[in-house]
Amino acid sequence: MNKQFDMELFLSGVLTGAHTTRERHIRQAKAIQTEIVDRWHRDNPWTWQRKHLIWFLRKTKENKSNSTYYYYTLTVKLINIRLKTKHKLKKSIAP
């Protein structure tokens, strides 16, 4: 019996701003986590690699509006800050 990784706790150290903004980032981080778990069976952000986040953003860019895609990129940046990684995602996701 596996318990799902708590994204709210994971992001709590880097979330700032309005309550609504924090809630949106948490909701989107959970959506990112769900997609990565379904595709690669990695539920813990500490095990994610750059390719997982790039895959998610490319998929989002194809299926969502530009504004939604933008908000997901902000959430991915917060995840990277929390992981203390320096992934350059902007150039990687350009068509």
PDB file of N, CA and C in Angstrom:
ATOM      1  N   MET A   1       0.844  -1.174   0.000  1.00  0.00           N
ATOM      2  CA  MET A   1       0.000   0.000   0.000  1.00  0.00           C
ATOM      3  C   MET A   1       0.887   1.234   0.000  1.00  0.00           C
ATOM      4  N   ASN A   2       0.930   1.932  -1.106  1.00  0.00           N
ATOM      5  CA  ASN A   2       1.745   3.133  -1.221  1.00  0.00           C
ATOM      6  C   ASN A   2       0.899   4.375  -0.993  1.00  0.00           C
ATOM      7  N   LYS A   3       1.434   5.283  -0.228  1.00  0.00           N
ATOM      8  CA  LYS A   3       0.772   6.563  -0.026  1.00  0.00           C
ATOM      9  C   LYS A   3       1.364   7.549  -1.024  1.00  0.00           C
ATOM     10  N   GLN A   4       0.492   8.323  -1.660  1.00  0.00           N
ATOM     11  CA  GLN A   4       0.961   9.279  -2.657  1.00  0.00           C
ATOM     12  C   GLN A   4       1.788  10.376  -1.992  1.00  0.00           C
ATOM     13  N   PHE A   5       2.840  10.790  -2.691  1.00  0.00           N
ATOM     14  CA  PHE A   5       3.729  11.838  -2.206  1.00  0.00           C
ATOM     15  C   PHE A   5       2.937  13.131  -2.022  1.00  0.00           C
ATOM     16  N   ASP A   6       3.162  13.830  -0.925  1.00  0.00           N
ATOM     17  CA  ASP A   6       2.412  15.046  -0.590  1.00  0.00           C
ATOM     18  C   ASP A   6       3.039  16.260  -1.280  1.00  0.00           C
ATOM     19  N   MET A   7       2.445  16.671  -2.397  1.00  0.00           N
ATOM     20  CA  MET A   7       2.972  17.807  -3.158  1.00  0.00           C
ATOM     21  C   MET A   7       2.806  19.122  -2.408  1.00  0.00           C
ATOM     22  N   GLU A   8       1.754  19.236  -1.617  1.00  0.00           N
ATOM     23  CA  GLU A   8       1.543  20.471  -0.859  1.00  0.00           C
ATOM     24  C   GLU A   8       2.675  20.691   0.134  1.00  0.00           C
ATOM     25  N   LEU A   9       3.051  19.650   0.823  1.00  0.00           N
ATOM     26  CA  LEU A   9       4.166  19.737   1.763  1.00  0.00           C
ATOM     27  C   LEU A   9       5.477  19.984   1.024  1.00  0.00           C
ATOM     28  N   PHE A  10       5.653  19.323  -0.110  1.00  0.00           N
ATOM     29  CA  PHE A  10       6.862  19.467  -0.910  1.00  0.00           C
ATOM     30  C   PHE A  10       7.073  20.914  -1.359  1.00  0.00           C
ATOM     31  N   LEU A  11       6.002  21.578  -1.790  1.00  0.00           N
ATOM     32  CA  LEU A  11       6.114  22.941  -2.308  1.00  0.00           C
ATOM     33  C   LEU A  11       5.969  24.023  -1.243  1.00  0.00           C
ATOM     34  N   SER A  12       5.627  23.657  -0.041  1.00  0.00           N
ATOM     35  CA  SER A  12       5.329  24.657   0.989  1.00  0.00           C
ATOM     36  C   SER A  12       6.489  25.623   1.235  1.00  0.00           C
ATOM     37  N   GLY A  13       7.709  25.193   1.069  1.00  0.00           N
ATOM     38  CA  GLY A  13       8.855  26.063   1.311  1.00  0.00           C
ATOM     39  C   GLY A  13       9.110  27.105   0.239  1.00  0.00           C
ATOM     40  N   VAL A  14       8.556  26.903  -0.944  1.00  0.00           N
ATOM     41  CA  VAL A  14       8.822  27.838  -2.041  1.00  0.00           C
ATOM     42  C   VAL A  14       7.584  28.601  -2.496  1.00  0.00           C
ATOM     43  N   LEU A  15       6.426  28.264  -1.957  1.00  0.00           N
ATOM     44  CA  LEU A  15       5.199  28.950  -2.361  1.00  0.00           C
ATOM     45  C   LEU A  15       5.076  30.293  -1.663  1.00  0.00           C
ATOM     46  N   THR A  16       4.840  31.320  -2.451  1.00  0.00           N
ATOM     47  CA  THR A  16       4.603  32.659  -1.917  1.00  0.00           C
ATOM     48  C   THR A  16       3.433  33.262  -2.675  1.00  0.00           C
ATOM     49  N   GLY A  17       2.972  34.390  -2.214  1.00  0.00           N
ATOM     50  CA  GLY A  17       1.913  35.088  -2.924  1.00  0.00           C
ATOM     51  C   GLY A  17       0.544  34.836  -2.330  1.00  0.00           C
ATOM     52  N   ALA A  18      -0.463  35.172  -3.110  1.00  0.00           N
ATOM     53  CA  ALA A  18      -1.849  35.069  -2.674  1.00  0.00           C
ATOM     54  C   ALA A  18      -2.262  33.614  -2.464  1.00  0.00           C
ATOM     55  N   HIS A  19      -3.262  33.439  -1.636  1.00  0.00           N
ATOM     56  CA  HIS A  19      -3.764  32.098  -1.333  1.00  0.00           C
ATOM     57  C   HIS A  19      -4.225  31.386  -2.608  1.00  0.00           C
ATOM     58  N   THR A  20      -4.920  32.099  -3.479  1.00  0.00           N
ATOM     59  CA  THR A  20      -5.406  31.511  -4.726  1.00  0.00           C
ATOM     60  C   THR A  20      -4.250  31.044  -5.605  1.00  0.00           C
ATOM     61  N   THR A  21      -3.196  31.819  -5.659  1.00  0.00           N
ATOM     62  CA  THR A  21      -2.019  31.453  -6.447  1.00  0.00           C
ATOM     63  C   THR A  21      -1.362  30.206  -5.881  1.00  0.00           C
ATOM     64  N   ARG A  22      -1.218  30.146  -4.578  1.00  0.00           N
ATOM     65  CA  ARG A  22      -0.631  28.959  -3.941  1.00  0.00           C
ATOM     66  C   ARG A  22      -1.482  27.720  -4.216  1.00  0.00           C
ATOM     67  N   GLU A  23      -2.792  27.869  -4.105  1.00  0.00           N
ATOM     68  CA  GLU A  23      -3.694  26.744  -4.376  1.00  0.00           C
ATOM     69  C   GLU A  23      -3.579  26.281  -5.826  1.00  0.00           C
ATOM     70  N   ARG A  24      -3.450  27.222  -6.763  1.00  0.00           N
ATOM     71  CA  ARG A  24      -3.310  26.861  -8.174  1.00  0.00           C
ATOM     72  C   ARG A  24      -2.028  26.074  -8.400  1.00  0.00           C
ATOM     73  N   HIS A  25      -0.924  26.528  -7.801  1.00  0.00           N
ATOM     74  CA  HIS A  25       0.343  25.810  -7.960  1.00  0.00           C
ATOM     75  C   HIS A  25       0.255  24.404  -7.377  1.00  0.00           C
ATOM     76  N   ILE A  26      -0.388  24.263  -6.247  1.00  0.00           N
ATOM     77  CA  ILE A  26      -0.538  22.936  -5.638  1.00  0.00           C
ATOM     78  C   ILE A  26      -1.391  22.040  -6.529  1.00  0.00           C
ATOM     79  N   ARG A  27      -2.503  22.573  -7.023  1.00  0.00           N
ATOM     80  CA  ARG A  27      -3.383  21.804  -7.902  1.00  0.00           C
ATOM     81  C   ARG A  27      -2.641  21.381  -9.169  1.00  0.00           C
ATOM     82  N   GLN A  28      -1.881  22.303  -9.750  1.00  0.00           N
ATOM     83  CA  GLN A  28      -1.149  21.979 -10.972  1.00  0.00           C
ATOM     84  C   GLN A  28      -0.001  21.014 -10.701  1.00  0.00           C
ATOM     85  N   ALA A  29       0.655  21.142  -9.565  1.00  0.00           N
ATOM     86  CA  ALA A  29       1.730  20.208  -9.219  1.00  0.00           C
ATOM     87  C   ALA A  29       1.176  18.798  -9.059  1.00  0.00           C
ATOM     88  N   LYS A  30      -0.011  18.685  -8.496  1.00  0.00           N
ATOM     89  CA  LYS A  30      -0.646  17.366  -8.370  1.00  0.00           C
ATOM     90  C   LYS A  30      -1.007  16.808  -9.742  1.00  0.00           C
ATOM     91  N   ALA A  31      -1.437  17.673 -10.657  1.00  0.00           N
ATOM     92  CA  ALA A  31      -1.743  17.228 -12.020  1.00  0.00           C
ATOM     93  C   ALA A  31      -0.470  16.761 -12.732  1.00  0.00           C
ATOM     94  N   ILE A  32       0.613  17.500 -12.552  1.00  0.00           N
ATOM     95  CA  ILE A  32       1.907  17.104 -13.121  1.00  0.00           C
ATOM     96  C   ILE A  32       2.322  15.754 -12.560  1.00  0.00           C
ATOM     97  N   GLN A  33       2.195  15.609 -11.250  1.00  0.00           N
ATOM     98  CA  GLN A  33       2.558  14.355 -10.589  1.00  0.00           C
ATOM     99  C   GLN A  33       1.728  13.195 -11.139  1.00  0.00           C
ATOM    100  N   THR A  34       0.435  13.399 -11.308  1.00  0.00           N
ATOM    101  CA  THR A  34      -0.440  12.339 -11.813  1.00  0.00           C
ATOM    102  C   THR A  34      -0.026  11.906 -13.211  1.00  0.00           C
ATOM    103  N   GLU A  35       0.259  12.865 -14.075  1.00  0.00           N
ATOM    104  CA  GLU A  35       0.673  12.537 -15.447  1.00  0.00           C
ATOM    105  C   GLU A  35       1.997  11.775 -15.468  1.00  0.00           C
ATOM    106  N   ILE A  36       2.949  12.206 -14.656  1.00  0.00           N
ATOM    107  CA  ILE A  36       4.254  11.538 -14.623  1.00  0.00           C
ATOM    108  C   ILE A  36       4.129  10.141 -14.025  1.00  0.00           C
ATOM    109  N   VAL A  37       3.288   9.987 -13.014  1.00  0.00           N
ATOM    110  CA  VAL A  37       3.063   8.657 -12.431  1.00  0.00           C
ATOM    111  C   VAL A  37       2.437   7.735 -13.468  1.00  0.00           C
ATOM    112  N   ASP A  38       1.446   8.228 -14.205  1.00  0.00           N
ATOM    113  CA  ASP A  38       0.791   7.401 -15.221  1.00  0.00           C
ATOM    114  C   ASP A  38       1.752   6.987 -16.325  1.00  0.00           C
ATOM    115  N   ARG A  39       2.645   7.878 -16.709  1.00  0.00           N
ATOM    116  CA  ARG A  39       3.553   7.598 -17.830  1.00  0.00           C
ATOM    117  C   ARG A  39       4.805   6.833 -17.401  1.00  0.00           C
ATOM    118  N   TRP A  40       5.433   7.253 -16.301  1.00  0.00           N
ATOM    119  CA  TRP A  40       6.715   6.677 -15.900  1.00  0.00           C
ATOM    120  C   TRP A  40       6.719   5.984 -14.537  1.00  0.00           C
ATOM    121  N   HIS A  41       5.611   5.999 -13.841  1.00  0.00           N
ATOM    122  CA  HIS A  41       5.507   5.348 -12.527  1.00  0.00           C
ATOM    123  C   HIS A  41       6.493   5.923 -11.518  1.00  0.00           C
ATOM    124  N   ARG A  42       6.676   7.225 -11.561  1.00  0.00           N
ATOM    125  CA  ARG A  42       7.544   7.917 -10.595  1.00  0.00           C
ATOM    126  C   ARG A  42       6.695   8.943  -9.857  1.00  0.00           C
ATOM    127  N   ASP A  43       6.321   8.619  -8.621  1.00  0.00           N
ATOM    128  CA  ASP A  43       5.414   9.509  -7.894  1.00  0.00           C
ATOM    129  C   ASP A  43       6.149  10.541  -7.055  1.00  0.00           C
ATOM    130  N   ASN A  44       7.420  10.377  -6.876  1.00  0.00           N
ATOM    131  CA  ASN A  44       8.199  11.244  -6.004  1.00  0.00           C
ATOM    132  C   ASN A  44       8.990  12.247  -6.847  1.00  0.00           C
ATOM    133  N   PRO A  45       8.782  13.546  -6.648  1.00  0.00           N
ATOM    134  CA  PRO A  45       9.510  14.541  -7.448  1.00  0.00           C
ATOM    135  C   PRO A  45      11.032  14.433  -7.331  1.00  0.00           C
ATOM    136  N   TRP A  46      11.514  13.874  -6.252  1.00  0.00           N
ATOM    137  CA  TRP A  46      12.967  13.722  -6.096  1.00  0.00           C
ATOM    138  C   TRP A  46      13.534  12.730  -7.105  1.00  0.00           C
ATOM    139  N   THR A  47      12.693  11.895  -7.698  1.00  0.00           N
ATOM    140  CA  THR A  47      13.157  10.926  -8.699  1.00  0.00           C
ATOM    141  C   THR A  47      12.919  11.407 -10.131  1.00  0.00           C
ATOM    142  N   TRP A  48      12.269  12.560 -10.287  1.00  0.00           N
ATOM    143  CA  TRP A  48      11.997  13.071 -11.627  1.00  0.00           C
ATOM    144  C   TRP A  48      13.265  13.596 -12.269  1.00  0.00           C
ATOM    145  N   GLN A  49      13.319  13.443 -13.580  1.00  0.00           N
ATOM    146  CA  GLN A  49      14.425  13.974 -14.358  1.00  0.00           C
ATOM    147  C   GLN A  49      13.900  15.097 -15.250  1.00  0.00           C
ATOM    148  N   ARG A  50      14.816  15.775 -15.864  1.00  0.00           N
ATOM    149  CA  ARG A  50      14.483  16.881 -16.760  1.00  0.00           C
ATOM    150  C   ARG A  50      13.526  16.423 -17.859  1.00  0.00           C
ATOM    151  N   LYS A  51      13.754  15.227 -18.391  1.00  0.00           N
ATOM    152  CA  LYS A  51      12.929  14.724 -19.487  1.00  0.00           C
ATOM    153  C   LYS A  51      11.463  14.565 -19.084  1.00  0.00           C
ATOM    154  N   HIS A  52      11.214  14.250 -17.813  1.00  0.00           N
ATOM    155  CA  HIS A  52       9.836  14.090 -17.360  1.00  0.00           C
ATOM    156  C   HIS A  52       9.088  15.418 -17.407  1.00  0.00           C
ATOM    157  N   LEU A  53       9.736  16.468 -16.941  1.00  0.00           N
ATOM    158  CA  LEU A  53       9.095  17.783 -16.923  1.00  0.00           C
ATOM    159  C   LEU A  53       8.945  18.349 -18.335  1.00  0.00           C
ATOM    160  N   ILE A  54       9.944  18.131 -19.179  1.00  0.00           N
ATOM    161  CA  ILE A  54       9.852  18.589 -20.569  1.00  0.00           C
ATOM    162  C   ILE A  54       8.720  17.861 -21.283  1.00  0.00           C
ATOM    163  N   TRP A  55       8.618  16.553 -21.068  1.00  0.00           N
ATOM    164  CA  TRP A  55       7.534  15.780 -21.673  1.00  0.00           C
ATOM    165  C   TRP A  55       6.182  16.343 -21.250  1.00  0.00           C
ATOM    166  N   PHE A  56       6.037  16.615 -19.957  1.00  0.00           N
ATOM    167  CA  PHE A  56       4.767  17.145 -19.475  1.00  0.00           C
ATOM    168  C   PHE A  56       4.454  18.497 -20.109  1.00  0.00           C
ATOM    169  N   LEU A  57       5.431  19.380 -20.173  1.00  0.00           N
ATOM    170  CA  LEU A  57       5.185  20.705 -20.747  1.00  0.00           C
ATOM    171  C   LEU A  57       4.860  20.622 -22.238  1.00  0.00           C
ATOM    172  N   ARG A  58       5.510  19.744 -22.957  1.00  0.00           N
ATOM    173  CA  ARG A  58       5.191  19.582 -24.382  1.00  0.00           C
ATOM    174  C   ARG A  58       3.773  19.062 -24.557  1.00  0.00           C
ATOM    175  N   LYS A  59       3.408  18.110 -23.734  1.00  0.00           N
ATOM    176  CA  LYS A  59       2.054  17.565 -23.788  1.00  0.00           C
ATOM    177  C   LYS A  59       1.032  18.653 -23.454  1.00  0.00           C
ATOM    178  N   THR A  60       1.337  19.464 -22.464  1.00  0.00           N
ATOM    179  CA  THR A  60       0.446  20.548 -22.064  1.00  0.00           C
ATOM    180  C   THR A  60       0.320  21.578 -23.174  1.00  0.00           C
ATOM    181  N   LYS A  61       1.430  21.878 -23.829  1.00  0.00           N
ATOM    182  CA  LYS A  61       1.413  22.879 -24.905  1.00  0.00           C
ATOM    183  C   LYS A  61       0.516  22.428 -26.053  1.00  0.00           C
ATOM    184  N   GLU A  62       0.481  21.133 -26.315  1.00  0.00           N
ATOM    185  CA  GLU A  62      -0.350  20.603 -27.396  1.00  0.00           C
ATOM    186  C   GLU A  62      -1.834  20.617 -27.048  1.00  0.00           C
ATOM    187  N   ASN A  63      -2.155  20.405 -25.771  1.00  0.00           N
ATOM    188  CA  ASN A  63      -3.544  20.161 -25.384  1.00  0.00           C
ATOM    189  C   ASN A  63      -4.220  21.287 -24.611  1.00  0.00           C
ATOM    190  N   LYS A  64      -3.496  22.305 -24.220  1.00  0.00           N
ATOM    191  CA  LYS A  64      -4.064  23.364 -23.381  1.00  0.00           C
ATOM    192  C   LYS A  64      -3.890  24.726 -24.048  1.00  0.00           C
ATOM    193  N   SER A  65      -4.570  25.711 -23.504  1.00  0.00           N
ATOM    194  CA  SER A  65      -4.433  27.073 -24.022  1.00  0.00           C
ATOM    195  C   SER A  65      -3.071  27.647 -23.633  1.00  0.00           C
ATOM    196  N   ASN A  66      -2.700  28.737 -24.271  1.00  0.00           N
ATOM    197  CA  ASN A  66      -1.407  29.368 -23.983  1.00  0.00           C
ATOM    198  C   ASN A  66      -1.319  29.853 -22.543  1.00  0.00           C
ATOM    199  N   SER A  67      -2.410  30.386 -22.021  1.00  0.00           N
ATOM    200  CA  SER A  67      -2.372  30.885 -20.642  1.00  0.00           C
ATOM    201  C   SER A  67      -2.219  29.731 -19.645  1.00  0.00           C
ATOM    202  N   THR A  68      -2.905  28.620 -19.886  1.00  0.00           N
ATOM    203  CA  THR A  68      -2.763  27.456 -19.007  1.00  0.00           C
ATOM    204  C   THR A  68      -1.344  26.918 -19.072  1.00  0.00           C
ATOM    205  N   TYR A  69      -0.811  26.844 -20.278  1.00  0.00           N
ATOM    206  CA  TYR A  69       0.568  26.393 -20.459  1.00  0.00           C
ATOM    207  C   TYR A  69       1.537  27.282 -19.680  1.00  0.00           C
ATOM    208  N   TYR A  70       1.321  28.586 -19.746  1.00  0.00           N
ATOM    209  CA  TYR A  70       2.179  29.530 -19.028  1.00  0.00           C
ATOM    210  C   TYR A  70       2.147  29.261 -17.520  1.00  0.00           C
ATOM    211  N   TYR A  71       0.960  29.049 -16.977  1.00  0.00           N
ATOM    212  CA  TYR A  71       0.849  28.790 -15.540  1.00  0.00           C
ATOM    213  C   TYR A  71       1.511  27.465 -15.152  1.00  0.00           C
ATOM    214  N   TYR A  72       1.430  26.478 -16.028  1.00  0.00           N
ATOM    215  CA  TYR A  72       2.132  25.219 -15.753  1.00  0.00           C
ATOM    216  C   TYR A  72       3.648  25.423 -15.771  1.00  0.00           C
ATOM    217  N   THR A  73       4.143  26.272 -16.669  1.00  0.00           N
ATOM    218  CA  THR A  73       5.591  26.529 -16.667  1.00  0.00           C
ATOM    219  C   THR A  73       6.022  27.199 -15.365  1.00  0.00           C
ATOM    220  N   LEU A  74       5.196  28.070 -14.817  1.00  0.00           N
ATOM    221  CA  LEU A  74       5.519  28.682 -13.523  1.00  0.00           C
ATOM    222  C   LEU A  74       5.575  27.631 -12.418  1.00  0.00           C
ATOM    223  N   THR A  75       4.651  26.690 -12.445  1.00  0.00           N
ATOM    224  CA  THR A  75       4.649  25.625 -11.442  1.00  0.00           C
ATOM    225  C   THR A  75       5.883  24.739 -11.594  1.00  0.00           C
ATOM    226  N   VAL A  76       6.256  24.437 -12.831  1.00  0.00           N
ATOM    227  CA  VAL A  76       7.466  23.634 -13.059  1.00  0.00           C
ATOM    228  C   VAL A  76       8.696  24.376 -12.548  1.00  0.00           C
ATOM    229  N   LYS A  77       8.731  25.684 -12.724  1.00  0.00           N
ATOM    230  CA  LYS A  77       9.857  26.468 -12.195  1.00  0.00           C
ATOM    231  C   LYS A  77       9.916  26.376 -10.677  1.00  0.00           C
ATOM    232  N   LEU A  78       8.766  26.404 -10.018  1.00  0.00           N
ATOM    233  CA  LEU A  78       8.745  26.246  -8.559  1.00  0.00           C
ATOM    234  C   LEU A  78       9.243  24.863  -8.140  1.00  0.00           C
ATOM    235  N   ILE A  79       8.849  23.845  -8.886  1.00  0.00           N
ATOM    236  CA  ILE A  79       9.326  22.489  -8.589  1.00  0.00           C
ATOM    237  C   ILE A  79      10.841  22.440  -8.728  1.00  0.00           C
ATOM    238  N   ASN A  80      11.378  23.063  -9.775  1.00  0.00           N
ATOM    239  CA  ASN A  80      12.832  23.101  -9.962  1.00  0.00           C
ATOM    240  C   ASN A  80      13.531  23.860  -8.842  1.00  0.00           C
ATOM    241  N   ILE A  81      12.927  24.950  -8.390  1.00  0.00           N
ATOM    242  CA  ILE A  81      13.511  25.697  -7.269  1.00  0.00           C
ATOM    243  C   ILE A  81      13.554  24.811  -6.033  1.00  0.00           C
ATOM    244  N   ARG A  82      12.474  24.095  -5.789  1.00  0.00           N
ATOM    245  CA  ARG A  82      12.418  23.209  -4.620  1.00  0.00           C
ATOM    246  C   ARG A  82      13.438  22.080  -4.735  1.00  0.00           C
ATOM    247  N   LEU A  83      13.607  21.559  -5.935  1.00  0.00           N
ATOM    248  CA  LEU A  83      14.577  20.480  -6.151  1.00  0.00           C
ATOM    249  C   LEU A  83      16.009  21.002  -6.226  1.00  0.00           C
ATOM    250  N   LYS A  84      16.146  22.328  -6.303  1.00  0.00           N
ATOM    251  CA  LYS A  84      17.451  22.977  -6.441  1.00  0.00           C
ATOM    252  C   LYS A  84      18.179  22.515  -7.700  1.00  0.00           C
ATOM    253  N   THR A  85      17.412  22.378  -8.780  1.00  0.00           N
ATOM    254  CA  THR A  85      18.005  22.032 -10.070  1.00  0.00           C
ATOM    255  C   THR A  85      18.050  23.276 -10.936  1.00  0.00           C
ATOM    256  N   LYS A  86      18.903  23.252 -11.906  1.00  0.00           N
ATOM    257  CA  LYS A  86      19.059  24.394 -12.794  1.00  0.00           C
ATOM    258  C   LYS A  86      18.729  23.993 -14.233  1.00  0.00           C
ATOM    259  N   HIS A  87      17.604  23.298 -14.394  1.00  0.00           N
ATOM    260  CA  HIS A  87      17.190  22.894 -15.733  1.00  0.00           C
ATOM    261  C   HIS A  87      16.814  24.103 -16.565  1.00  0.00           C
ATOM    262  N   LYS A  88      17.295  24.133 -17.773  1.00  0.00           N
ATOM    263  CA  LYS A  88      16.921  25.169 -18.729  1.00  0.00           C
ATOM    264  C   LYS A  88      15.772  24.618 -19.567  1.00  0.00           C
ATOM    265  N   LEU A  89      14.558  24.873 -19.147  1.00  0.00           N
ATOM    266  CA  LEU A  89      13.403  24.295 -19.819  1.00  0.00           C
ATOM    267  C   LEU A  89      12.928  25.128 -20.994  1.00  0.00           C
ATOM    268  N   LYS A  90      13.146  26.418 -20.966  1.00  0.00           N
ATOM    269  CA  LYS A  90      12.610  27.309 -21.997  1.00  0.00           C
ATOM    270  C   LYS A  90      13.051  26.887 -23.397  1.00  0.00           C
ATOM    271  N   LYS A  91      14.320  26.656 -23.590  1.00  0.00           N
ATOM    272  CA  LYS A  91      14.827  26.287 -24.913  1.00  0.00           C
ATOM    273  C   LYS A  91      14.457  24.851 -25.265  1.00  0.00           C
ATOM    274  N   SER A  92      14.274  24.015 -24.261  1.00  0.00           N
ATOM    275  CA  SER A  92      14.007  22.607 -24.503  1.00  0.00           C
ATOM    276  C   SER A  92      12.603  22.351 -25.013  1.00  0.00           C
ATOM    277  N   ILE A  93      11.666  23.236 -24.701  1.00  0.00           N
ATOM    278  CA  ILE A  93      10.280  22.973 -25.061  1.00  0.00           C
ATOM    279  C   ILE A  93       9.825  23.750 -26.279  1.00  0.00           C
ATOM    280  N   ALA A  94      10.695  24.524 -26.863  1.00  0.00           N
ATOM    281  CA  ALA A  94      10.333  25.276 -28.067  1.00  0.00           C
ATOM    282  C   ALA A  94      10.083  24.300 -29.210  1.00  0.00           C
ATOM    283  N   PRO A  95       9.056  24.572 -30.025  1.00  0.00           N
ATOM    284  CA  PRO A  95       8.746  23.643 -31.128  1.00  0.00           C
ATOM    285  C   PRO A  95       9.825  23.601 -32.178  1.00  0.00           C
TER     286      PRO A  95
END
